[in-house]
N, C-alpha and C. Protein backbone atom coordinates (compact mmCIF):
# COMPACT_ATOMS: atom_id res chain seq x y z
N UNK A 1 96.97 64.92 100.08
CA UNK A 1 96.24 66.14 99.80
C UNK A 1 96.30 67.06 101.03
N UNK A 2 96.49 68.30 100.77
CA UNK A 2 96.58 69.30 101.85
C UNK A 2 95.18 69.64 102.35
N UNK A 3 95.10 70.02 103.63
CA UNK A 3 93.80 70.45 104.14
C UNK A 3 93.50 71.86 103.61
N UNK A 4 92.25 72.29 103.72
CA UNK A 4 91.80 73.56 103.15
C UNK A 4 92.56 74.74 103.74
N UNK A 5 92.84 74.73 105.03
CA UNK A 5 93.55 75.83 105.67
C UNK A 5 94.94 75.98 105.06
N UNK A 6 95.66 74.85 104.94
CA UNK A 6 97.00 74.87 104.37
C UNK A 6 96.96 75.32 102.91
N UNK A 7 95.98 74.85 102.17
CA UNK A 7 95.82 75.25 100.76
C UNK A 7 95.61 76.76 100.65
N UNK A 8 94.79 77.33 101.52
CA UNK A 8 94.55 78.78 101.50
C UNK A 8 95.82 79.56 101.81
N UNK A 9 96.63 79.06 102.72
CA UNK A 9 97.90 79.72 103.04
C UNK A 9 98.81 79.71 101.81
N UNK A 10 98.86 78.58 101.10
CA UNK A 10 99.70 78.49 99.90
C UNK A 10 99.20 79.42 98.79
N UNK A 11 97.89 79.50 98.61
CA UNK A 11 97.32 80.42 97.61
C UNK A 11 97.65 81.86 97.99
N UNK A 12 97.51 82.18 99.26
CA UNK A 12 97.84 83.53 99.73
C UNK A 12 99.29 83.87 99.47
N UNK A 13 100.19 82.93 99.75
CA UNK A 13 101.61 83.20 99.55
C UNK A 13 101.93 83.31 98.06
N UNK A 14 101.26 82.53 97.21
CA UNK A 14 101.43 82.66 95.76
C UNK A 14 101.04 84.07 95.32
N UNK A 15 99.96 84.59 95.91
CA UNK A 15 99.53 85.96 95.60
C UNK A 15 100.57 86.98 96.03
N UNK A 16 101.17 86.78 97.19
CA UNK A 16 102.21 87.71 97.68
C UNK A 16 103.37 87.74 96.69
N UNK A 17 103.81 86.57 96.23
CA UNK A 17 104.93 86.53 95.28
C UNK A 17 104.54 87.12 93.93
N UNK A 18 103.30 86.92 93.49
CA UNK A 18 102.84 87.51 92.23
C UNK A 18 102.84 89.04 92.33
N UNK A 19 102.41 89.56 93.47
CA UNK A 19 102.41 91.02 93.69
C UNK A 19 103.84 91.53 93.77
N UNK A 20 104.73 90.78 94.43
CA UNK A 20 106.14 91.18 94.51
C UNK A 20 106.74 91.27 93.11
N UNK A 21 106.39 90.32 92.24
CA UNK A 21 106.86 90.35 90.85
C UNK A 21 106.40 91.63 90.15
N UNK A 22 105.11 91.94 90.29
CA UNK A 22 104.57 93.16 89.66
C UNK A 22 105.25 94.41 90.20
N UNK A 23 105.51 94.45 91.50
CA UNK A 23 106.20 95.60 92.09
C UNK A 23 107.58 95.76 91.48
N UNK A 24 108.31 94.66 91.34
CA UNK A 24 109.64 94.72 90.72
C UNK A 24 109.56 95.25 89.30
N UNK A 25 108.58 94.79 88.55
CA UNK A 25 108.43 95.23 87.16
C UNK A 25 108.03 96.70 87.06
N UNK A 26 107.49 97.25 88.16
CA UNK A 26 107.13 98.68 88.19
C UNK A 26 108.19 99.51 88.92
N UNK A 27 109.37 98.94 89.10
CA UNK A 27 110.49 99.70 89.65
C UNK A 27 110.59 99.77 91.15
N UNK A 28 109.85 98.96 91.87
CA UNK A 28 109.91 98.94 93.33
C UNK A 28 110.77 97.78 93.81
N UNK A 29 111.28 97.90 95.02
CA UNK A 29 112.02 96.82 95.67
C UNK A 29 111.19 96.35 96.86
N UNK A 30 110.35 95.32 96.67
CA UNK A 30 109.50 94.88 97.77
C UNK A 30 110.29 94.20 98.87
N UNK A 31 109.87 94.44 100.10
CA UNK A 31 110.47 93.81 101.28
C UNK A 31 109.43 92.90 101.91
N UNK A 32 109.89 91.76 102.39
CA UNK A 32 109.02 90.79 103.05
C UNK A 32 109.23 90.88 104.55
N UNK A 33 108.21 91.31 105.31
CA UNK A 33 108.37 91.37 106.77
C UNK A 33 108.66 89.98 107.35
N UNK A 34 109.45 89.95 108.39
CA UNK A 34 109.78 88.69 109.04
C UNK A 34 108.58 88.03 109.71
N UNK A 35 107.64 88.84 110.16
CA UNK A 35 106.43 88.35 110.81
C UNK A 35 105.24 89.02 110.15
N UNK A 36 104.22 88.23 109.79
CA UNK A 36 103.03 88.77 109.14
C UNK A 36 102.00 89.17 110.19
N UNK A 37 101.86 90.48 110.39
CA UNK A 37 100.83 90.99 111.31
C UNK A 37 99.82 91.83 110.52
N UNK A 38 99.56 91.40 109.28
CA UNK A 38 98.62 92.11 108.43
C UNK A 38 99.29 92.85 107.30
N UNK A 39 100.60 92.88 107.30
CA UNK A 39 101.35 93.50 106.21
C UNK A 39 102.14 92.39 105.53
N UNK A 40 101.84 92.17 104.25
CA UNK A 40 102.53 91.10 103.51
C UNK A 40 103.79 91.60 102.82
N UNK A 41 103.76 92.84 102.34
CA UNK A 41 104.90 93.43 101.64
C UNK A 41 105.04 94.89 102.05
N UNK A 42 106.26 95.39 101.98
CA UNK A 42 106.52 96.80 102.22
C UNK A 42 107.40 97.29 101.08
N UNK A 43 107.03 98.42 100.47
CA UNK A 43 107.87 98.96 99.40
C UNK A 43 109.07 99.67 100.01
N UNK A 44 110.03 99.99 99.18
CA UNK A 44 111.26 100.63 99.65
C UNK A 44 111.00 101.99 100.29
N UNK A 45 109.88 102.62 99.97
CA UNK A 45 109.56 103.92 100.57
C UNK A 45 108.59 103.79 101.75
N UNK A 46 108.35 102.54 102.20
CA UNK A 46 107.58 102.33 103.42
C UNK A 46 106.09 102.13 103.25
N UNK A 47 105.60 101.98 102.03
CA UNK A 47 104.17 101.73 101.81
C UNK A 47 103.88 100.28 102.18
N UNK A 48 102.89 100.09 103.07
CA UNK A 48 102.54 98.77 103.59
C UNK A 48 101.40 98.16 102.76
N UNK A 49 101.61 96.93 102.29
CA UNK A 49 100.63 96.25 101.44
C UNK A 49 100.12 94.97 102.08
N UNK A 50 98.81 94.79 102.05
CA UNK A 50 98.18 93.53 102.41
C UNK A 50 97.73 92.91 101.10
N UNK A 51 98.02 91.64 100.88
CA UNK A 51 97.67 90.96 99.64
C UNK A 51 96.56 89.96 99.91
N UNK A 52 95.54 89.99 99.08
CA UNK A 52 94.47 89.00 99.10
C UNK A 52 94.48 88.31 97.74
N UNK A 53 94.50 86.99 97.72
CA UNK A 53 94.61 86.25 96.48
C UNK A 53 93.49 85.22 96.36
N UNK A 54 93.07 85.00 95.12
CA UNK A 54 92.02 84.00 94.87
C UNK A 54 92.13 83.48 93.44
N UNK A 55 91.64 82.27 93.26
CA UNK A 55 91.50 81.71 91.93
C UNK A 55 90.05 81.83 91.51
N UNK A 56 89.82 81.82 90.22
CA UNK A 56 88.48 81.89 89.65
C UNK A 56 87.70 80.64 90.03
N UNK A 57 86.46 80.85 90.51
CA UNK A 57 85.59 79.72 90.85
C UNK A 57 84.29 79.86 90.09
N UNK A 58 83.88 78.78 89.43
CA UNK A 58 82.61 78.78 88.69
C UNK A 58 81.52 78.22 89.58
N UNK A 59 80.40 78.94 89.62
CA UNK A 59 79.25 78.51 90.41
C UNK A 59 77.99 78.67 89.57
N UNK A 60 76.88 78.25 90.13
CA UNK A 60 75.61 78.40 89.43
C UNK A 60 75.30 79.88 89.20
N UNK A 61 75.59 80.73 90.20
CA UNK A 61 75.33 82.16 90.08
C UNK A 61 76.32 82.84 89.13
N UNK A 62 77.53 82.30 89.05
CA UNK A 62 78.58 82.88 88.21
C UNK A 62 79.15 81.81 87.28
N UNK A 63 78.41 81.46 86.20
CA UNK A 63 78.87 80.39 85.32
C UNK A 63 80.19 80.70 84.62
N UNK A 64 80.51 81.97 84.39
CA UNK A 64 81.80 82.34 83.79
C UNK A 64 82.89 82.38 84.85
N UNK A 65 82.50 82.34 86.10
CA UNK A 65 83.44 82.33 87.21
C UNK A 65 83.55 83.68 87.89
N UNK A 66 83.96 83.65 89.14
CA UNK A 66 84.14 84.87 89.92
C UNK A 66 85.23 84.63 90.97
N UNK A 67 85.83 85.73 91.40
CA UNK A 67 86.80 85.72 92.48
C UNK A 67 86.11 86.29 93.71
N UNK A 68 86.31 85.67 94.84
CA UNK A 68 85.82 86.24 96.09
C UNK A 68 86.99 86.31 97.05
N UNK A 69 87.07 87.42 97.78
CA UNK A 69 88.19 87.65 98.68
C UNK A 69 87.68 87.82 100.09
N UNK A 70 88.28 87.10 101.00
CA UNK A 70 87.93 87.19 102.41
C UNK A 70 88.65 88.39 103.02
N UNK A 71 87.92 89.35 103.49
CA UNK A 71 88.53 90.51 104.13
C UNK A 71 88.33 90.48 105.64
N UNK A 72 87.97 89.32 106.16
CA UNK A 72 87.69 89.22 107.60
C UNK A 72 88.55 88.19 108.32
N UNK A 73 89.22 87.26 107.62
CA UNK A 73 89.66 86.05 108.27
C UNK A 73 91.04 85.94 108.88
N UNK A 74 91.90 86.91 108.79
CA UNK A 74 93.27 86.73 109.27
C UNK A 74 93.42 87.11 110.74
N UNK A 75 94.44 86.56 111.34
CA UNK A 75 94.83 86.98 112.68
C UNK A 75 95.82 88.11 112.51
N UNK A 76 95.53 89.25 113.10
CA UNK A 76 96.42 90.40 112.99
C UNK A 76 96.58 91.07 114.35
N UNK A 77 97.60 91.90 114.44
CA UNK A 77 97.85 92.63 115.67
C UNK A 77 97.78 94.13 115.35
N UNK A 78 97.00 94.85 116.14
CA UNK A 78 96.86 96.30 116.00
C UNK A 78 97.10 96.91 117.37
N UNK A 79 98.12 97.75 117.43
CA UNK A 79 98.46 98.41 118.69
C UNK A 79 98.56 97.44 119.86
N UNK A 80 99.22 96.32 119.61
CA UNK A 80 99.44 95.34 120.67
C UNK A 80 98.28 94.40 120.94
N UNK A 81 97.11 94.64 120.36
CA UNK A 81 95.96 93.78 120.58
C UNK A 81 95.82 92.82 119.41
N UNK A 82 95.57 91.55 119.70
CA UNK A 82 95.44 90.54 118.65
C UNK A 82 93.97 90.34 118.31
N UNK A 83 93.68 90.40 117.01
CA UNK A 83 92.32 90.19 116.50
C UNK A 83 92.32 88.93 115.67
N UNK A 84 91.41 88.02 115.98
CA UNK A 84 91.28 86.82 115.15
C UNK A 84 90.54 87.15 113.86
N UNK A 85 89.55 88.02 113.95
CA UNK A 85 88.85 88.50 112.76
C UNK A 85 88.93 90.01 112.80
N UNK A 86 89.62 90.57 111.84
CA UNK A 86 89.81 92.01 111.87
C UNK A 86 88.54 92.74 111.48
N UNK A 87 88.35 93.91 112.02
CA UNK A 87 87.25 94.77 111.64
C UNK A 87 87.71 95.58 110.44
N UNK A 88 86.82 95.78 109.49
CA UNK A 88 87.21 96.48 108.27
C UNK A 88 87.70 97.89 108.53
N UNK A 89 87.17 98.53 109.55
CA UNK A 89 87.59 99.89 109.84
C UNK A 89 89.04 99.95 110.30
N UNK A 90 89.62 98.80 110.63
CA UNK A 90 91.00 98.76 111.11
C UNK A 90 92.02 98.57 109.99
N UNK A 91 91.59 98.27 108.78
CA UNK A 91 92.54 98.04 107.69
C UNK A 91 93.50 99.21 107.52
N UNK A 92 92.99 100.42 107.57
CA UNK A 92 93.85 101.58 107.35
C UNK A 92 94.88 101.74 108.47
N UNK A 93 94.66 101.12 109.62
CA UNK A 93 95.63 101.14 110.70
C UNK A 93 96.73 100.11 110.47
N UNK A 94 96.43 99.06 109.73
CA UNK A 94 97.35 97.96 109.51
C UNK A 94 98.22 98.19 108.28
N UNK A 95 97.58 98.63 107.19
CA UNK A 95 98.30 98.76 105.93
C UNK A 95 97.80 100.00 105.18
N UNK A 96 98.53 100.35 104.13
CA UNK A 96 98.16 101.51 103.31
C UNK A 96 97.31 101.11 102.11
N UNK A 97 97.61 99.96 101.52
CA UNK A 97 96.88 99.47 100.35
C UNK A 97 96.61 97.98 100.51
N UNK A 98 95.52 97.54 99.90
CA UNK A 98 95.23 96.12 99.78
C UNK A 98 95.30 95.81 98.29
N UNK A 99 96.09 94.79 97.94
CA UNK A 99 96.19 94.37 96.55
C UNK A 99 95.42 93.07 96.42
N UNK A 100 94.37 93.10 95.60
CA UNK A 100 93.57 91.91 95.33
C UNK A 100 94.15 91.27 94.08
N UNK A 101 94.66 90.04 94.22
CA UNK A 101 95.29 89.32 93.11
C UNK A 101 94.35 88.25 92.59
N UNK A 102 93.89 88.42 91.37
CA UNK A 102 93.05 87.43 90.69
C UNK A 102 93.99 86.52 89.91
N UNK A 103 94.39 85.43 90.53
CA UNK A 103 95.49 84.62 90.02
C UNK A 103 95.19 83.94 88.70
N UNK A 104 93.97 83.51 88.46
CA UNK A 104 93.65 82.78 87.23
C UNK A 104 93.84 83.65 85.99
N UNK A 105 93.56 84.93 86.11
CA UNK A 105 93.66 85.84 84.96
C UNK A 105 94.80 86.86 85.11
N UNK A 106 95.59 86.71 86.17
CA UNK A 106 96.71 87.63 86.44
C UNK A 106 96.23 89.09 86.42
N UNK A 107 95.15 89.35 87.14
CA UNK A 107 94.61 90.70 87.31
C UNK A 107 94.92 91.15 88.72
N UNK A 108 95.23 92.44 88.87
CA UNK A 108 95.59 92.98 90.17
C UNK A 108 94.84 94.30 90.39
N UNK A 109 94.30 94.46 91.58
CA UNK A 109 93.58 95.66 91.96
C UNK A 109 94.28 96.26 93.17
N UNK A 110 94.82 97.47 93.00
CA UNK A 110 95.57 98.16 94.05
C UNK A 110 94.61 99.17 94.68
N UNK A 111 94.08 98.85 95.86
CA UNK A 111 93.01 99.63 96.47
C UNK A 111 93.50 100.26 97.77
N UNK A 112 93.32 101.57 97.94
CA UNK A 112 93.66 102.17 99.23
C UNK A 112 92.89 101.48 100.35
N UNK A 113 93.57 101.20 101.45
CA UNK A 113 92.96 100.42 102.54
C UNK A 113 91.71 101.08 103.09
N UNK A 114 91.66 102.40 103.12
CA UNK A 114 90.49 103.06 103.68
C UNK A 114 89.28 102.99 102.75
N UNK A 115 89.45 102.49 101.53
CA UNK A 115 88.32 102.35 100.59
C UNK A 115 87.65 100.99 100.70
N UNK A 116 88.28 100.04 101.37
CA UNK A 116 87.70 98.69 101.47
C UNK A 116 86.67 98.70 102.57
N UNK A 117 85.42 98.50 102.18
CA UNK A 117 84.30 98.60 103.12
C UNK A 117 83.60 97.27 103.35
N UNK A 118 84.06 96.24 102.74
CA UNK A 118 83.41 94.95 102.91
C UNK A 118 84.01 93.95 101.96
N UNK A 119 83.26 92.92 101.63
CA UNK A 119 83.76 91.88 100.75
C UNK A 119 84.12 92.45 99.39
N UNK A 120 85.04 91.80 98.73
CA UNK A 120 85.46 92.21 97.40
C UNK A 120 85.25 91.00 96.50
N UNK A 121 84.53 91.17 95.45
CA UNK A 121 84.32 90.08 94.51
C UNK A 121 84.33 90.64 93.11
N UNK A 122 84.71 89.79 92.17
CA UNK A 122 84.89 90.23 90.80
C UNK A 122 84.58 89.07 89.87
N UNK A 123 83.79 89.35 88.87
CA UNK A 123 83.51 88.31 87.89
C UNK A 123 84.62 88.23 86.86
N UNK A 124 84.68 87.11 86.18
CA UNK A 124 85.69 86.86 85.16
C UNK A 124 85.61 87.90 84.05
N UNK A 125 86.73 88.12 83.38
CA UNK A 125 86.75 89.00 82.21
C UNK A 125 85.83 88.49 81.11
N UNK A 126 85.62 87.18 81.09
CA UNK A 126 84.78 86.56 80.05
C UNK A 126 83.30 86.88 80.22
N UNK A 127 82.92 87.39 81.37
CA UNK A 127 81.53 87.68 81.64
C UNK A 127 81.11 88.92 80.87
N UNK A 128 80.09 88.81 80.04
CA UNK A 128 79.70 89.91 79.16
C UNK A 128 78.50 90.71 79.65
N UNK A 129 77.94 90.36 80.77
CA UNK A 129 76.77 91.06 81.29
C UNK A 129 77.19 92.45 81.77
N UNK A 130 76.53 93.49 81.24
CA UNK A 130 76.90 94.86 81.63
C UNK A 130 76.51 95.15 83.07
N UNK A 131 75.67 94.34 83.67
CA UNK A 131 75.29 94.54 85.06
C UNK A 131 76.06 93.57 85.96
N UNK A 132 77.26 93.23 85.54
CA UNK A 132 78.07 92.29 86.32
C UNK A 132 78.27 92.82 87.73
N UNK A 133 78.08 91.95 88.68
CA UNK A 133 78.28 92.35 90.08
C UNK A 133 79.73 92.17 90.43
N UNK A 134 80.36 93.24 90.74
CA UNK A 134 81.71 93.19 91.24
C UNK A 134 81.89 94.40 92.10
N UNK A 135 82.67 94.26 93.11
CA UNK A 135 82.89 95.47 93.85
C UNK A 135 83.25 95.31 95.29
N UNK A 136 83.22 96.45 95.93
CA UNK A 136 83.52 96.51 97.34
C UNK A 136 82.22 96.86 98.04
N UNK A 137 82.08 96.37 99.22
CA UNK A 137 80.86 96.66 99.97
C UNK A 137 80.31 95.39 100.54
N UNK A 138 79.16 95.51 101.13
CA UNK A 138 78.51 94.35 101.72
C UNK A 138 78.24 93.33 100.63
N UNK A 139 78.61 92.09 100.88
CA UNK A 139 78.41 91.05 99.88
C UNK A 139 76.92 90.80 99.74
N UNK A 140 76.38 91.25 98.64
CA UNK A 140 74.95 91.17 98.41
C UNK A 140 74.76 91.06 96.91
N UNK A 141 74.34 89.91 96.45
CA UNK A 141 74.22 89.70 95.00
C UNK A 141 73.14 90.56 94.37
N UNK A 142 72.28 91.16 95.16
CA UNK A 142 71.25 92.02 94.59
C UNK A 142 71.67 93.48 94.60
N UNK A 143 72.85 93.76 95.13
CA UNK A 143 73.32 95.15 95.18
C UNK A 143 73.60 95.66 93.78
N UNK A 144 73.42 96.96 93.56
CA UNK A 144 73.73 97.50 92.24
C UNK A 144 75.22 97.40 91.96
N UNK A 145 75.54 97.30 90.69
CA UNK A 145 76.93 97.18 90.29
C UNK A 145 77.68 98.47 90.54
N UNK A 146 78.90 98.35 91.01
CA UNK A 146 79.78 99.50 91.12
C UNK A 146 81.07 99.20 90.38
N UNK A 147 80.90 98.70 89.16
CA UNK A 147 82.01 98.26 88.32
C UNK A 147 83.03 99.36 88.12
N UNK A 148 82.61 100.57 87.83
CA UNK A 148 83.57 101.63 87.53
C UNK A 148 84.42 101.96 88.75
N UNK A 149 83.83 101.88 89.94
CA UNK A 149 84.58 102.15 91.17
C UNK A 149 85.71 101.14 91.33
N UNK A 150 85.41 99.88 91.06
CA UNK A 150 86.41 98.83 91.22
C UNK A 150 87.43 98.89 90.10
N UNK A 151 86.98 99.05 88.86
CA UNK A 151 87.89 99.00 87.73
C UNK A 151 88.90 100.13 87.73
N UNK A 152 88.62 101.24 88.40
CA UNK A 152 89.61 102.32 88.45
C UNK A 152 90.85 101.89 89.22
N UNK A 153 90.76 100.84 90.02
CA UNK A 153 91.90 100.35 90.78
C UNK A 153 92.64 99.20 90.10
N UNK A 154 92.13 98.74 88.95
CA UNK A 154 92.83 97.65 88.27
C UNK A 154 94.17 98.16 87.75
N UNK A 155 95.22 97.45 88.09
CA UNK A 155 96.59 97.81 87.72
C UNK A 155 96.94 99.25 88.08
N UNK A 156 96.45 99.72 89.21
CA UNK A 156 96.71 101.09 89.66
C UNK A 156 98.02 101.16 90.44
N UNK A 157 99.07 100.60 89.86
CA UNK A 157 100.38 100.57 90.52
C UNK A 157 100.92 101.99 90.71
N UNK A 158 100.46 102.92 89.90
CA UNK A 158 100.91 104.32 90.03
C UNK A 158 100.58 104.89 91.41
N UNK A 159 99.59 104.34 92.08
CA UNK A 159 99.24 104.82 93.42
C UNK A 159 100.37 104.56 94.42
N UNK A 160 101.25 103.62 94.10
CA UNK A 160 102.35 103.28 95.00
C UNK A 160 103.63 104.05 94.67
N UNK A 161 103.60 104.84 93.62
CA UNK A 161 104.77 105.59 93.19
C UNK A 161 104.82 106.92 93.92
N UNK A 162 105.69 107.03 94.90
CA UNK A 162 105.78 108.25 95.72
C UNK A 162 106.14 109.48 94.90
N UNK A 163 107.03 109.34 93.91
CA UNK A 163 107.43 110.49 93.10
C UNK A 163 106.24 111.05 92.33
N UNK A 164 105.43 110.14 91.73
CA UNK A 164 104.24 110.60 91.00
C UNK A 164 103.24 111.25 91.93
N UNK A 165 103.06 110.66 93.12
CA UNK A 165 102.11 111.21 94.09
C UNK A 165 102.56 112.60 94.53
N UNK A 166 103.84 112.76 94.84
CA UNK A 166 104.35 114.07 95.25
C UNK A 166 104.25 115.09 94.13
N UNK A 167 104.54 114.65 92.90
CA UNK A 167 104.44 115.54 91.74
C UNK A 167 103.00 116.02 91.55
N UNK A 168 102.04 115.11 91.71
CA UNK A 168 100.62 115.48 91.58
C UNK A 168 100.21 116.47 92.65
N UNK A 169 100.68 116.25 93.89
CA UNK A 169 100.36 117.16 94.99
C UNK A 169 100.97 118.53 94.74
N UNK A 170 102.23 118.55 94.33
CA UNK A 170 102.91 119.82 94.07
C UNK A 170 102.25 120.57 92.92
N UNK A 171 101.84 119.84 91.89
CA UNK A 171 101.16 120.46 90.76
C UNK A 171 99.84 121.07 91.21
N UNK A 172 99.08 120.33 92.02
CA UNK A 172 97.79 120.83 92.52
C UNK A 172 98.00 122.05 93.40
N UNK A 173 99.03 122.02 94.25
CA UNK A 173 99.31 123.17 95.10
C UNK A 173 99.74 124.37 94.28
N UNK A 174 100.51 124.13 93.21
CA UNK A 174 100.95 125.22 92.33
C UNK A 174 99.78 125.88 91.64
N UNK A 175 98.80 125.09 91.23
CA UNK A 175 97.60 125.62 90.56
C UNK A 175 96.79 126.44 91.55
N UNK A 176 96.65 125.93 92.79
CA UNK A 176 95.89 126.67 93.81
C UNK A 176 96.56 128.00 94.16
N UNK A 177 97.89 127.98 94.35
CA UNK A 177 98.59 129.19 94.74
C UNK A 177 98.62 130.24 93.63
N UNK A 178 98.49 129.78 92.39
CA UNK A 178 98.47 130.70 91.26
C UNK A 178 97.04 131.17 90.96
N UNK A 179 96.13 130.85 91.84
CA UNK A 179 94.74 131.28 91.65
C UNK A 179 94.06 130.59 90.49
N UNK A 180 94.47 129.35 90.23
CA UNK A 180 93.83 128.59 89.17
C UNK A 180 94.54 128.76 87.83
N UNK A 181 95.49 129.69 87.73
CA UNK A 181 96.20 129.88 86.49
C UNK A 181 97.30 128.83 86.36
N UNK A 182 97.56 128.40 85.16
CA UNK A 182 98.64 127.45 84.93
C UNK A 182 99.85 128.17 84.40
N UNK A 183 101.01 127.64 84.69
CA UNK A 183 102.27 128.25 84.25
C UNK A 183 102.78 127.59 83.04
């Protein structure tokens, strides 16, 4: 039997490969950096991705199960300095997006790195409580639900599509320059 540290590394790498598969299916060519300094994958256009992976765990608080993601535990290097536990404010310096891979249900959340403010947890799809606790922020089971904030990032692979992003920017600029009129 593998020790817990080794098991977590294997789960993390499984998540990286699952995300690489999704990227390929969305028309990207993912690249694997030779050394992991907080970037697990890089798209062909240079978008840096950090992958966090977890399996569904059932507990007394979450009988239908929940995913919890550690956003503090890796050793990373930022501007030549090595951090054993990264500060959340540094994520945007390390990567552009964090992809949370819920391996048991094959769910993926593509979240801009600057939006991650704390722990990320998500209850199972089977959970029917409308006040389900899931989200980003300080891990606090009594915190109000921010389900809609989190769910907007589920399968948000379009955020990684540079052509769509540029088209949206150009369209917005065209509307502004035309004084709000559309062509």
